[in-house]
Each structure stands twice: as structure tokens, then as C-alpha cells.
């Protein structure tokens, strides 16, 4: 059995002396061995910078990315040639301020896959990929996939 470990390195500097309204939410994250860094902030609702990505967006993006990669892996392992002309997912995550503790309670993935492959087969592969998606399986909230398969 192989155990995979994923690292992240976060840096921040500043002061909270001015209270909840005064400190910077901007911070930087790297994930070795990748060399690129992300500059993040809080959601604007929590006094963050709307021009920067926030952790909630990254969670939704991770679920969307994992779904794509799981779908492709399932198709490849089954030796199914799914010639994808376009794959686009407009994913959304939902957090209700009334939930205690606060959490992303639902992520909806809406992959739109343009392919000449059999639509029923592609939809089945999307569902199989969803069942194997590491990120979806790691979240306590619901992750729902609503695929659309279209011909080119």
C-alpha cells in the first residue's frame, strides 16, 4: 500500500493590533515540489481582496480539477477513446452563514463535455470518475456532478 503525502507552505506577516478590521488577509502559498506560488486572500465577505483567489474558491477548483482528472483516468483505464473537443466546468460551492460550524456544504460540478463519443458512455464515465475522485471523497459536504454531453 502506498501512502501519498502532499505539502503546502504558507507565509504571512503583519499584525492584528488594529483588531478584526485592520489586519491584512493577503498571504502566499506554495506546494513543493511545484515552484509557482499563489497569492491568496479571504473572501471579500470576510474583508478579503476580491482580486485574489480565496480558500473557498480553491476548494471548488480542486473538486472540479479532480473530477476532470478522474473522468479521464477512468476512460483511459477502460481503453475508451473519448476524443474531447472541449471540457468546461462552471463549478460552484455553497456556504450558508447559518451553518455552525461554517463549511462548504455543497459543491456542484457542471462539466460540459463536447465530444463525438457516445453520450451515455461519457455520462457513465463521468459518474465513475466522480465515485473515484479523491477530493470529493475527502469533503464532508455534498459534491454533485451534473454533466452535459454535447456533439461537436
Protein backbone atom coordinates (compact mmCIF):
# COMPACT_ATOMS: atom_id res chain seq x y z
CA UNK A 1 0.00 0.00 0.00
CA UNK A 2 1.36 3.41 -0.97
CA UNK A 3 0.84 6.43 1.25
CA UNK A 4 0.85 9.76 -0.57
CA UNK A 5 1.82 12.95 1.22
CA UNK A 6 1.05 16.45 -0.05
CA UNK A 7 2.86 19.50 1.26
CA UNK A 8 1.92 23.15 1.34
CA UNK A 9 3.91 26.10 2.62
CA UNK A 10 2.03 29.23 3.66
CA UNK A 11 3.62 32.57 4.60
CA UNK A 12 2.13 35.73 6.12
CA UNK A 13 3.49 38.70 8.03
CA UNK A 14 1.66 41.51 9.75
CA UNK A 15 -0.07 42.50 12.94
CA UNK A 16 -3.53 42.08 14.42
CA UNK A 17 -3.03 45.07 16.71
CA UNK A 18 -5.76 47.04 14.93
CA UNK A 19 -8.36 44.33 15.56
CA UNK A 20 -10.54 42.30 13.22
CA UNK A 21 -10.90 45.11 10.69
CA UNK A 22 -7.24 46.06 10.48
CA UNK A 23 -5.04 43.12 9.53
CA UNK A 24 -4.12 42.03 6.02
CA UNK A 25 -5.74 38.86 4.76
CA UNK A 26 -3.20 38.51 1.93
CA UNK A 27 -0.86 35.53 2.18
CA UNK A 28 1.24 33.34 -0.10
CA UNK A 29 1.10 29.58 -0.63
CA UNK A 30 3.45 27.19 -2.40
CA UNK A 31 3.09 23.44 -2.73
CA UNK A 32 6.50 21.84 -3.22
CA UNK A 33 7.83 20.48 -5.49
CA UNK A 34 5.82 22.93 -7.66
CA UNK A 35 7.69 26.21 -7.92
CA UNK A 36 4.80 28.57 -8.63
CA UNK A 37 3.22 30.47 -5.77
CA UNK A 38 -0.33 31.63 -5.24
CA UNK A 39 -1.15 34.90 -3.54
CA UNK A 40 -4.42 34.46 -1.68
CA UNK A 41 -6.78 36.47 0.44
CA UNK A 42 -10.03 35.98 2.30
CA UNK A 43 -13.40 36.12 0.59
CA UNK A 44 -14.48 39.78 0.22
CA UNK A 45 -17.35 39.00 2.61
CA UNK A 46 -14.64 38.45 5.25
CA UNK A 47 -12.70 41.63 4.41
CA UNK A 48 -10.55 39.99 1.75
CA UNK A 49 -9.31 41.24 -1.60
CA UNK A 50 -11.77 40.35 -4.39
CA UNK A 51 -8.90 40.46 -6.89
CA UNK A 52 -7.19 37.45 -5.29
CA UNK A 53 -8.20 33.82 -5.01
CA UNK A 54 -9.52 32.66 -1.65
CA UNK A 55 -9.51 29.25 0.08
CA UNK A 56 -13.17 28.62 -0.70
CA UNK A 57 -12.55 29.12 -4.41
CA UNK A 58 -9.55 26.81 -4.25
CA UNK A 59 -11.67 24.08 -2.66
CA UNK A 60 -14.21 24.33 -5.50
CA UNK A 61 -11.40 24.42 -8.09
CA UNK A 62 -9.78 21.34 -6.52
CA UNK A 63 -13.07 19.42 -6.72
CA UNK A 64 -13.53 20.46 -10.36
CA UNK A 65 -9.96 19.55 -11.30
CA UNK A 66 -10.14 16.19 -9.54
CA UNK A 67 -13.40 15.38 -11.34
CA UNK A 68 -11.80 16.06 -14.73
CA UNK A 69 -8.71 14.01 -13.95
CA UNK A 70 -10.74 11.12 -12.51
CA UNK A 71 -13.02 11.07 -15.57
CA UNK A 72 -10.01 10.97 -17.91
CA UNK A 73 -8.34 8.22 -15.85
CA UNK A 74 -11.47 6.06 -15.89
CA UNK A 75 -11.79 6.45 -19.67
CA UNK A 76 -8.09 5.69 -20.25
CA UNK A 77 -8.08 2.63 -17.97
CA UNK A 78 -11.12 1.27 -19.80
CA UNK A 79 -9.34 1.80 -23.14
CA UNK A 80 -12.17 4.09 -24.23
CA UNK A 81 -11.18 6.79 -26.69
CA UNK A 82 -13.13 9.83 -25.58
CA UNK A 83 -11.97 12.45 -28.06
CA UNK A 84 -12.87 15.60 -26.12
CA UNK A 85 -13.19 18.69 -28.28
CA UNK A 86 -13.91 20.81 -25.20
CA UNK A 87 -14.36 20.25 -21.46
CA UNK A 88 -15.62 23.16 -19.42
CA UNK A 89 -16.86 23.11 -15.83
CA UNK A 90 -18.57 26.07 -14.21
CA UNK A 91 -18.43 24.71 -10.68
CA UNK A 92 -19.96 26.39 -7.63
CA UNK A 93 -19.56 25.94 -3.91
CA UNK A 94 -22.20 26.94 -1.39
CA UNK A 95 -21.70 28.09 2.19
CA UNK A 96 -24.58 29.15 4.43
CA UNK A 97 -23.69 31.56 7.25
CA UNK A 98 -26.35 29.84 9.38
CA UNK A 99 -24.36 26.57 9.40
CA UNK A 100 -22.33 26.09 12.56
CA UNK A 101 -19.55 25.32 12.17
CA UNK A 102 -19.22 27.20 8.89
CA UNK A 103 -18.45 24.94 5.95
CA UNK A 104 -18.88 24.47 2.23
CA UNK A 105 -21.98 22.31 2.42
CA UNK A 106 -22.33 21.63 -1.29
CA UNK A 107 -20.20 21.76 -4.41
CA UNK A 108 -21.97 21.46 -7.74
CA UNK A 109 -19.84 20.49 -10.72
CA UNK A 110 -21.32 21.13 -14.16
CA UNK A 111 -18.92 19.71 -16.71
CA UNK A 112 -19.96 20.40 -20.30
CA UNK A 113 -18.16 17.90 -22.48
CA UNK A 114 -18.13 18.32 -26.24
CA UNK A 115 -17.26 15.01 -27.88
CA UNK A 116 -18.30 12.73 -30.72
CA UNK A 117 -18.23 9.75 -28.31
CA UNK A 118 -21.45 8.07 -27.21
CA UNK A 119 -23.13 10.49 -24.76
CA UNK A 120 -24.43 7.70 -22.50
CA UNK A 121 -20.95 6.19 -22.27
CA UNK A 122 -19.39 9.56 -21.46
CA UNK A 123 -22.02 10.24 -18.77
CA UNK A 124 -21.28 6.83 -17.23
CA UNK A 125 -17.53 7.54 -17.25
CA UNK A 126 -18.15 10.92 -15.61
CA UNK A 127 -20.13 9.20 -12.83
CA UNK A 128 -17.44 6.53 -12.36
CA UNK A 129 -14.84 9.28 -12.18
CA UNK A 130 -16.93 11.06 -9.55
CA UNK A 131 -17.06 7.94 -7.41
CA UNK A 132 -13.25 7.71 -7.51
CA UNK A 133 -12.47 11.44 -7.07
CA UNK A 134 -10.13 11.84 -4.08
CA UNK A 135 -11.21 15.40 -3.35
CA UNK A 136 -14.95 14.68 -3.47
CA UNK A 137 -14.41 11.68 -1.23
CA UNK A 138 -12.48 13.84 1.25
CA UNK A 139 -15.15 16.51 1.73
CA UNK A 140 -17.91 16.35 4.34
CA UNK A 141 -20.29 18.41 2.18
CA UNK A 142 -22.16 17.07 -0.82
CA UNK A 143 -20.38 17.05 -4.17
CA UNK A 144 -22.87 16.75 -7.03
CA UNK A 145 -21.99 16.28 -10.68
CA UNK A 146 -24.42 17.50 -13.35
CA UNK A 147 -22.74 16.69 -16.67
CA UNK A 148 -23.86 17.79 -20.10
CA UNK A 149 -22.53 15.88 -23.10
CA UNK A 150 -22.82 17.62 -26.48
CA UNK A 151 -21.80 16.73 -30.01
CA UNK A 152 -19.26 18.98 -31.74
